All heavy atoms as atom14 arrays in JSON, in Angstrom:
{
  "sequence": "LQLPAAFPIVETHPDPESTQDLRLLNPWPELAAAGAG",
  "atom14_mask": [
    [1, 1, 1, 1, 1, 1, 1, 1, 0, 0, 0, 0, 0, 0],
    [1, 1, 1, 1, 1, 1, 1, 1, 1, 0, 0, 0, 0, 0],
    [1, 1, 1, 1, 1, 1, 1, 1, 0, 0, 0, 0, 0, 0],
    [1, 1, 1, 1, 1, 1, 1, 0, 0, 0, 0, 0, 0, 0],
    [1, 1, 1, 1, 1, 0, 0, 0, 0, 0, 0, 0, 0, 0],
    [1, 1, 1, 1, 1, 0, 0, 0, 0, 0, 0, 0, 0, 0],
    [1, 1, 1, 1, 1, 1, 1, 1, 1, 1, 1, 0, 0, 0],
    [1, 1, 1, 1, 1, 1, 1, 0, 0, 0, 0, 0, 0, 0],
    [1, 1, 1, 1, 1, 1, 1, 1, 0, 0, 0, 0, 0, 0],
    [1, 1, 1, 1, 1, 1, 1, 0, 0, 0, 0, 0, 0, 0],
    [1, 1, 1, 1, 1, 1, 1, 1, 1, 0, 0, 0, 0, 0],
    [1, 1, 1, 1, 1, 1, 1, 0, 0, 0, 0, 0, 0, 0],
    [1, 1, 1, 1, 1, 1, 1, 1, 1, 1, 0, 0, 0, 0],
    [1, 1, 1, 1, 1, 1, 1, 0, 0, 0, 0, 0, 0, 0],
    [1, 1, 1, 1, 1, 1, 1, 1, 0, 0, 0, 0, 0, 0],
    [1, 1, 1, 1, 1, 1, 1, 0, 0, 0, 0, 0, 0, 0],
    [1, 1, 1, 1, 1, 1, 1, 1, 1, 0, 0, 0, 0, 0],
    [1, 1, 1, 1, 1, 1, 0, 0, 0, 0, 0, 0, 0, 0],
    [1, 1, 1, 1, 1, 1, 1, 0, 0, 0, 0, 0, 0, 0],
    [1, 1, 1, 1, 1, 1, 1, 1, 1, 0, 0, 0, 0, 0],
    [1, 1, 1, 1, 1, 1, 1, 1, 0, 0, 0, 0, 0, 0],
    [1, 1, 1, 1, 1, 1, 1, 1, 0, 0, 0, 0, 0, 0],
    [1, 1, 1, 1, 1, 1, 1, 1, 1, 1, 1, 0, 0, 0],
    [1, 1, 1, 1, 1, 1, 1, 1, 0, 0, 0, 0, 0, 0],
    [1, 1, 1, 1, 1, 1, 1, 1, 0, 0, 0, 0, 0, 0],
    [1, 1, 1, 1, 1, 1, 1, 1, 0, 0, 0, 0, 0, 0],
    [1, 1, 1, 1, 1, 1, 1, 0, 0, 0, 0, 0, 0, 0],
    [1, 1, 1, 1, 1, 1, 1, 1, 1, 1, 1, 1, 1, 1],
    [1, 1, 1, 1, 1, 1, 1, 0, 0, 0, 0, 0, 0, 0],
    [1, 1, 1, 1, 1, 1, 1, 1, 1, 0, 0, 0, 0, 0],
    [1, 1, 1, 1, 1, 1, 1, 1, 0, 0, 0, 0, 0, 0],
    [1, 1, 1, 1, 1, 0, 0, 0, 0, 0, 0, 0, 0, 0],
    [1, 1, 1, 1, 1, 0, 0, 0, 0, 0, 0, 0, 0, 0],
    [1, 1, 1, 1, 1, 0, 0, 0, 0, 0, 0, 0, 0, 0],
    [1, 1, 1, 1, 0, 0, 0, 0, 0, 0, 0, 0, 0, 0],
    [1, 1, 1, 1, 1, 0, 0, 0, 0, 0, 0, 0, 0, 0],
    [1, 1, 1, 1, 0, 0, 0, 0, 0, 0, 0, 0, 0, 0]
  ],
  "atom14_positions": [
    [[-69.79, 98.48, 81.17], [-70.67, 98.55, 80.0], [-70.29, 99.74, 79.14], [-70.24, 100.88, 79.61], [-72.12, 98.68, 80.46], [-73.18, 98.9, 79.37], [-73.2, 97.73, 78.38], [-74.56, 99.08, 79.99], [0.0, 0.0, 0.0], [0.0, 0.0, 0.0], [0.0, 0.0, 0.0], [0.0, 0.0, 0.0], [0.0, 0.0, 0.0], [0.0, 0.0, 0.0]],
    [[-70.0, 99.46, 77.88], [-69.73, 100.52, 76.9], [-70.94, 100.65, 75.99], [-71.31, 99.72, 75.29], [-68.49, 100.18, 76.07], [-68.23, 101.16, 74.92], [-66.98, 100.8, 74.15], [-65.87, 100.84, 74.67], [-67.15, 100.44, 72.88], [0.0, 0.0, 0.0], [0.0, 0.0, 0.0], [0.0, 0.0, 0.0], [0.0, 0.0, 0.0], [0.0, 0.0, 0.0]],
    [[-71.58, 101.81, 76.04], [-72.77, 102.09, 75.22], [-72.43, 103.12, 74.15], [-71.44, 103.84, 74.26], [-73.91, 102.61, 76.09], [-74.55, 101.62, 77.07], [-75.52, 102.35, 77.99], [-75.26, 100.51, 76.32], [0.0, 0.0, 0.0], [0.0, 0.0, 0.0], [0.0, 0.0, 0.0], [0.0, 0.0, 0.0], [0.0, 0.0, 0.0], [0.0, 0.0, 0.0]],
    [[-73.27, 103.23, 73.11], [-73.08, 104.31, 72.14], [-73.15, 105.67, 72.81], [-73.65, 105.79, 73.95], [-74.25, 104.1, 71.16], [-74.6, 102.65, 71.28], [-74.34, 102.29, 72.7], [0.0, 0.0, 0.0], [0.0, 0.0, 0.0], [0.0, 0.0, 0.0], [0.0, 0.0, 0.0], [0.0, 0.0, 0.0], [0.0, 0.0, 0.0], [0.0, 0.0, 0.0]],
    [[-72.69, 106.7, 72.13], [-72.63, 108.04, 72.72], [-73.98, 108.52, 73.23], [-74.06, 109.22, 74.24], [-72.07, 109.03, 71.7], [0.0, 0.0, 0.0], [0.0, 0.0, 0.0], [0.0, 0.0, 0.0], [0.0, 0.0, 0.0], [0.0, 0.0, 0.0], [0.0, 0.0, 0.0], [0.0, 0.0, 0.0], [0.0, 0.0, 0.0], [0.0, 0.0, 0.0]],
    [[-75.06, 108.14, 72.53], [-76.42, 108.47, 72.98], [-77.25, 107.2, 72.89], [-77.52, 106.71, 71.79], [-77.02, 109.58, 72.13], [0.0, 0.0, 0.0], [0.0, 0.0, 0.0], [0.0, 0.0, 0.0], [0.0, 0.0, 0.0], [0.0, 0.0, 0.0], [0.0, 0.0, 0.0], [0.0, 0.0, 0.0], [0.0, 0.0, 0.0], [0.0, 0.0, 0.0]],
    [[-77.65, 106.69, 74.03], [-78.4, 105.43, 74.09], [-79.76, 105.72, 74.71], [-79.91, 105.77, 75.93], [-77.63, 104.4, 74.93], [-78.21, 103.01, 74.87], [-77.97, 102.19, 73.78], [-78.99, 102.53, 75.9], [-78.5, 100.91, 73.72], [-79.52, 101.24, 75.86], [-79.28, 100.44, 74.76], [0.0, 0.0, 0.0], [0.0, 0.0, 0.0], [0.0, 0.0, 0.0]],
    [[-80.81, 105.94, 73.89], [-82.12, 106.31, 74.43], [-82.92, 105.11, 74.93], [-82.86, 104.03, 74.35], [-82.81, 106.96, 73.22], [-82.18, 106.33, 72.03], [-80.77, 105.99, 72.42], [0.0, 0.0, 0.0], [0.0, 0.0, 0.0], [0.0, 0.0, 0.0], [0.0, 0.0, 0.0], [0.0, 0.0, 0.0], [0.0, 0.0, 0.0], [0.0, 0.0, 0.0]],
    [[-83.64, 105.31, 76.02], [-84.51, 104.28, 76.58], [-85.87, 104.91, 76.85], [-85.97, 105.93, 77.54], [-83.95, 103.72, 77.9], [-82.51, 103.27, 77.72], [-84.79, 102.56, 78.41], [-81.76, 103.11, 79.01], [0.0, 0.0, 0.0], [0.0, 0.0, 0.0], [0.0, 0.0, 0.0], [0.0, 0.0, 0.0], [0.0, 0.0, 0.0], [0.0, 0.0, 0.0]],
    [[-86.9, 104.3, 76.3], [-88.27, 104.79, 76.5], [-88.92, 104.13, 77.7], [-89.44, 104.79, 78.59], [-89.12, 104.57, 75.23], [-90.57, 104.98, 75.48], [-88.54, 105.35, 74.06], [0.0, 0.0, 0.0], [0.0, 0.0, 0.0], [0.0, 0.0, 0.0], [0.0, 0.0, 0.0], [0.0, 0.0, 0.0], [0.0, 0.0, 0.0], [0.0, 0.0, 0.0]],
    [[-88.88, 102.81, 77.75], [-89.54, 102.08, 78.83], [-88.56, 101.86, 79.98], [-87.92, 100.83, 80.11], [-90.07, 100.75, 78.3], [-91.13, 100.91, 77.22], [-91.65, 99.59, 76.69], [-92.48, 98.95, 77.36], [-91.22, 99.2, 75.59], [0.0, 0.0, 0.0], [0.0, 0.0, 0.0], [0.0, 0.0, 0.0], [0.0, 0.0, 0.0], [0.0, 0.0, 0.0]],
    [[-88.45, 102.89, 80.83], [-87.5, 102.85, 81.93], [-88.06, 102.16, 83.17], [-87.33, 101.91, 84.12], [-87.05, 104.27, 82.3], [-88.22, 105.07, 82.57], [-86.26, 104.91, 81.17], [0.0, 0.0, 0.0], [0.0, 0.0, 0.0], [0.0, 0.0, 0.0], [0.0, 0.0, 0.0], [0.0, 0.0, 0.0], [0.0, 0.0, 0.0], [0.0, 0.0, 0.0]],
    [[-89.36, 101.89, 83.19], [-90.02, 101.21, 84.31], [-89.74, 101.89, 85.65], [-89.19, 101.28, 86.57], [-89.58, 99.74, 84.38], [-90.0, 98.93, 83.19], [-91.2, 98.25, 83.13], [-89.37, 98.69, 82.01], [-91.29, 97.62, 81.96], [-90.2, 97.89, 81.26], [0.0, 0.0, 0.0], [0.0, 0.0, 0.0], [0.0, 0.0, 0.0], [0.0, 0.0, 0.0]],
    [[-90.14, 103.15, 85.81], [-89.92, 103.83, 87.09], [-90.9, 103.31, 88.15], [-91.79, 102.5, 87.86], [-90.22, 105.29, 86.76], [-91.21, 105.21, 85.64], [-90.82, 104.0, 84.83], [0.0, 0.0, 0.0], [0.0, 0.0, 0.0], [0.0, 0.0, 0.0], [0.0, 0.0, 0.0], [0.0, 0.0, 0.0], [0.0, 0.0, 0.0], [0.0, 0.0, 0.0]],
    [[-90.75, 103.78, 89.37], [-91.68, 103.46, 90.44], [-93.09, 103.85, 90.0], [-93.31, 105.0, 89.58], [-91.28, 104.24, 91.7], [-92.2, 103.99, 92.88], [-93.16, 103.21, 92.72], [-91.97, 104.56, 93.95], [0.0, 0.0, 0.0], [0.0, 0.0, 0.0], [0.0, 0.0, 0.0], [0.0, 0.0, 0.0], [0.0, 0.0, 0.0], [0.0, 0.0, 0.0]],
    [[-94.07, 102.94, 90.08], [-95.44, 103.25, 89.6], [-96.0, 104.54, 90.16], [-96.7, 105.28, 89.47], [-96.26, 102.03, 90.06], [-95.27, 100.92, 90.12], [-93.98, 101.55, 90.56], [0.0, 0.0, 0.0], [0.0, 0.0, 0.0], [0.0, 0.0, 0.0], [0.0, 0.0, 0.0], [0.0, 0.0, 0.0], [0.0, 0.0, 0.0], [0.0, 0.0, 0.0]],
    [[-95.69, 104.85, 91.44], [-96.23, 106.08, 92.03], [-95.72, 107.32, 91.33], [-96.42, 108.33, 91.24], [-95.89, 106.13, 93.52], [-96.75, 105.22, 94.39], [-96.66, 105.57, 95.86], [-96.04, 106.61, 96.18], [-97.2, 104.82, 96.67], [0.0, 0.0, 0.0], [0.0, 0.0, 0.0], [0.0, 0.0, 0.0], [0.0, 0.0, 0.0], [0.0, 0.0, 0.0]],
    [[-94.5, 107.24, 90.82], [-93.92, 108.43, 90.17], [-94.49, 108.66, 88.78], [-94.26, 109.7, 88.18], [-92.39, 108.28, 90.09], [-92.04, 107.25, 89.19], [0.0, 0.0, 0.0], [0.0, 0.0, 0.0], [0.0, 0.0, 0.0], [0.0, 0.0, 0.0], [0.0, 0.0, 0.0], [0.0, 0.0, 0.0], [0.0, 0.0, 0.0], [0.0, 0.0, 0.0]],
    [[-95.23, 107.69, 88.25], [-95.79, 107.84, 86.9], [-97.18, 108.45, 86.92], [-97.74, 108.74, 85.87], [-95.86, 106.47, 86.19], [-96.76, 105.62, 86.9], [-94.5, 105.81, 86.11], [0.0, 0.0, 0.0], [0.0, 0.0, 0.0], [0.0, 0.0, 0.0], [0.0, 0.0, 0.0], [0.0, 0.0, 0.0], [0.0, 0.0, 0.0], [0.0, 0.0, 0.0]],
    [[-97.75, 108.63, 88.09], [-99.11, 109.16, 88.18], [-99.11, 110.66, 87.88], [-98.37, 111.43, 88.49], [-99.7, 108.89, 89.56], [-99.9, 107.41, 89.84], [-100.29, 107.14, 91.28], [-100.56, 108.07, 92.04], [-100.31, 105.88, 91.66], [0.0, 0.0, 0.0], [0.0, 0.0, 0.0], [0.0, 0.0, 0.0], [0.0, 0.0, 0.0], [0.0, 0.0, 0.0]],
    [[-99.93, 111.04, 86.93], [-100.05, 112.44, 86.54], [-101.54, 112.77, 86.54], [-102.25, 112.54, 85.56], [-99.44, 112.65, 85.15], [-99.4, 114.11, 84.75], [-99.83, 114.96, 85.57], [-98.96, 114.41, 83.63], [0.0, 0.0, 0.0], [0.0, 0.0, 0.0], [0.0, 0.0, 0.0], [0.0, 0.0, 0.0], [0.0, 0.0, 0.0], [0.0, 0.0, 0.0]],
    [[-102.03, 113.31, 87.67], [-103.48, 113.51, 87.83], [-103.95, 114.87, 87.3], [-105.15, 115.07, 87.09], [-103.86, 113.38, 89.31], [-103.53, 112.01, 89.94], [-103.91, 111.99, 91.41], [-104.23, 110.89, 89.2], [0.0, 0.0, 0.0], [0.0, 0.0, 0.0], [0.0, 0.0, 0.0], [0.0, 0.0, 0.0], [0.0, 0.0, 0.0], [0.0, 0.0, 0.0]],
    [[-103.04, 115.82, 87.1], [-103.35, 117.15, 86.56], [-104.44, 117.87, 87.36], [-105.37, 118.48, 86.79], [-103.8, 117.03, 85.1], [-102.8, 116.39, 84.16], [-101.7, 117.36, 83.78], [-100.65, 116.66, 83.07], [-100.61, 116.47, 81.75], [-101.6, 116.92, 81.0], [-99.62, 115.83, 81.2], [0.0, 0.0, 0.0], [0.0, 0.0, 0.0], [0.0, 0.0, 0.0]],
    [[-104.37, 117.79, 88.67], [-105.4, 118.4, 89.49], [-105.32, 119.92, 89.49], [-106.34, 120.6, 89.67], [-105.29, 117.88, 90.93], [-105.47, 116.37, 91.1], [-105.32, 115.98, 92.56], [-106.84, 115.94, 90.58], [0.0, 0.0, 0.0], [0.0, 0.0, 0.0], [0.0, 0.0, 0.0], [0.0, 0.0, 0.0], [0.0, 0.0, 0.0], [0.0, 0.0, 0.0]],
    [[-104.13, 120.48, 89.3], [-103.98, 121.94, 89.32], [-104.32, 122.57, 87.97], [-104.57, 123.77, 87.9], [-102.56, 122.32, 89.74], [-102.16, 121.93, 91.17], [-100.77, 122.45, 91.48], [-103.17, 122.44, 92.18], [0.0, 0.0, 0.0], [0.0, 0.0, 0.0], [0.0, 0.0, 0.0], [0.0, 0.0, 0.0], [0.0, 0.0, 0.0], [0.0, 0.0, 0.0]],
    [[-104.3, 121.77, 86.91], [-104.68, 122.3, 85.59], [-105.52, 121.26, 84.85], [-105.1, 120.71, 83.83], [-103.44, 122.69, 84.77], [-102.42, 121.57, 84.68], [-102.46, 120.6, 85.45], [-101.51, 121.68, 83.73], [0.0, 0.0, 0.0], [0.0, 0.0, 0.0], [0.0, 0.0, 0.0], [0.0, 0.0, 0.0], [0.0, 0.0, 0.0], [0.0, 0.0, 0.0]],
    [[-106.72, 120.97, 85.37], [-107.57, 119.95, 84.74], [-108.09, 120.39, 83.38], [-108.35, 121.57, 83.15], [-108.71, 119.79, 85.75], [-108.79, 121.11, 86.44], [-107.37, 121.6, 86.52], [0.0, 0.0, 0.0], [0.0, 0.0, 0.0], [0.0, 0.0, 0.0], [0.0, 0.0, 0.0], [0.0, 0.0, 0.0], [0.0, 0.0, 0.0], [0.0, 0.0, 0.0]],
    [[-108.23, 119.46, 82.46], [-108.85, 119.74, 81.18], [-110.36, 119.8, 81.38], [-110.88, 119.4, 82.44], [-108.43, 118.7, 80.15], [-108.76, 117.28, 80.5], [-109.82, 116.55, 80.08], [-108.0, 116.41, 81.35], [-109.78, 115.28, 80.6], [-108.68, 115.17, 81.39], [-106.82, 116.55, 82.09], [-108.21, 114.08, 82.14], [-106.36, 115.47, 82.83], [-107.05, 114.26, 82.85]],
    [[-111.13, 120.34, 80.43], [-112.57, 120.59, 80.64], [-113.36, 119.39, 81.15], [-114.18, 119.53, 82.06], [-113.05, 121.02, 79.25], [-111.84, 121.63, 78.63], [-110.67, 120.84, 79.13], [0.0, 0.0, 0.0], [0.0, 0.0, 0.0], [0.0, 0.0, 0.0], [0.0, 0.0, 0.0], [0.0, 0.0, 0.0], [0.0, 0.0, 0.0], [0.0, 0.0, 0.0]],
    [[-113.13, 118.2, 80.6], [-113.9, 117.02, 81.01], [-113.63, 116.66, 82.48], [-114.54, 116.28, 83.22], [-113.58, 115.82, 80.13], [-114.04, 115.95, 78.68], [-113.08, 116.74, 77.81], [-112.05, 117.24, 78.34], [-113.34, 116.85, 76.59], [0.0, 0.0, 0.0], [0.0, 0.0, 0.0], [0.0, 0.0, 0.0], [0.0, 0.0, 0.0], [0.0, 0.0, 0.0]],
    [[-112.36, 116.78, 82.91], [-112.03, 116.47, 84.29], [-112.59, 117.54, 85.23], [-113.11, 117.23, 86.31], [-110.51, 116.36, 84.47], [-110.01, 115.99, 85.87], [-110.57, 114.64, 86.31], [-108.49, 115.97, 85.93], [0.0, 0.0, 0.0], [0.0, 0.0, 0.0], [0.0, 0.0, 0.0], [0.0, 0.0, 0.0], [0.0, 0.0, 0.0], [0.0, 0.0, 0.0]],
    [[-112.48, 118.8, 84.81], [-113.03, 119.88, 85.63], [-114.54, 119.72, 85.79], [-115.09, 119.95, 86.88], [-112.7, 121.23, 84.99], [0.0, 0.0, 0.0], [0.0, 0.0, 0.0], [0.0, 0.0, 0.0], [0.0, 0.0, 0.0], [0.0, 0.0, 0.0], [0.0, 0.0, 0.0], [0.0, 0.0, 0.0], [0.0, 0.0, 0.0], [0.0, 0.0, 0.0]],
    [[-115.21, 119.29, 84.73], [-116.66, 119.09, 84.79], [-117.02, 117.97, 85.76], [-118.0, 118.04, 86.5], [-117.21, 118.79, 83.4], [0.0, 0.0, 0.0], [0.0, 0.0, 0.0], [0.0, 0.0, 0.0], [0.0, 0.0, 0.0], [0.0, 0.0, 0.0], [0.0, 0.0, 0.0], [0.0, 0.0, 0.0], [0.0, 0.0, 0.0], [0.0, 0.0, 0.0]],
    [[-116.19, 116.9, 85.77], [-116.44, 115.79, 86.69], [-116.28, 116.25, 88.14], [-117.05, 115.84, 89.02], [-115.47, 114.64, 86.39], [0.0, 0.0, 0.0], [0.0, 0.0, 0.0], [0.0, 0.0, 0.0], [0.0, 0.0, 0.0], [0.0, 0.0, 0.0], [0.0, 0.0, 0.0], [0.0, 0.0, 0.0], [0.0, 0.0, 0.0], [0.0, 0.0, 0.0]],
    [[-115.3, 117.12, 88.4], [-115.12, 117.64, 89.76], [-116.26, 118.54, 90.16], [-116.72, 118.51, 91.31], [0.0, 0.0, 0.0], [0.0, 0.0, 0.0], [0.0, 0.0, 0.0], [0.0, 0.0, 0.0], [0.0, 0.0, 0.0], [0.0, 0.0, 0.0], [0.0, 0.0, 0.0], [0.0, 0.0, 0.0], [0.0, 0.0, 0.0], [0.0, 0.0, 0.0]],
    [[-116.78, 119.33, 89.22], [-117.9, 120.23, 89.52], [-119.19, 119.45, 89.75], [-120.12, 119.96, 90.38], [-118.08, 121.21, 88.37], [0.0, 0.0, 0.0], [0.0, 0.0, 0.0], [0.0, 0.0, 0.0], [0.0, 0.0, 0.0], [0.0, 0.0, 0.0], [0.0, 0.0, 0.0], [0.0, 0.0, 0.0], [0.0, 0.0, 0.0], [0.0, 0.0, 0.0]],
    [[-119.23, 118.21, 89.26], [-120.45, 117.41, 89.37], [-120.74, 116.9, 90.76], [-121.78, 116.29, 90.99], [0.0, 0.0, 0.0], [0.0, 0.0, 0.0], [0.0, 0.0, 0.0], [0.0, 0.0, 0.0], [0.0, 0.0, 0.0], [0.0, 0.0, 0.0], [0.0, 0.0, 0.0], [0.0, 0.0, 0.0], [0.0, 0.0, 0.0], [0.0, 0.0, 0.0]]
  ]
}
């Protein structure tokens, strides 16, 4: 396969587990409030 010098792909379809971003170590205010509840 010969591709252009830079061939960008947005929808790479990775393993679903690797796409999870829960932000537990730096929760935003609404998430922190839910945990405090």
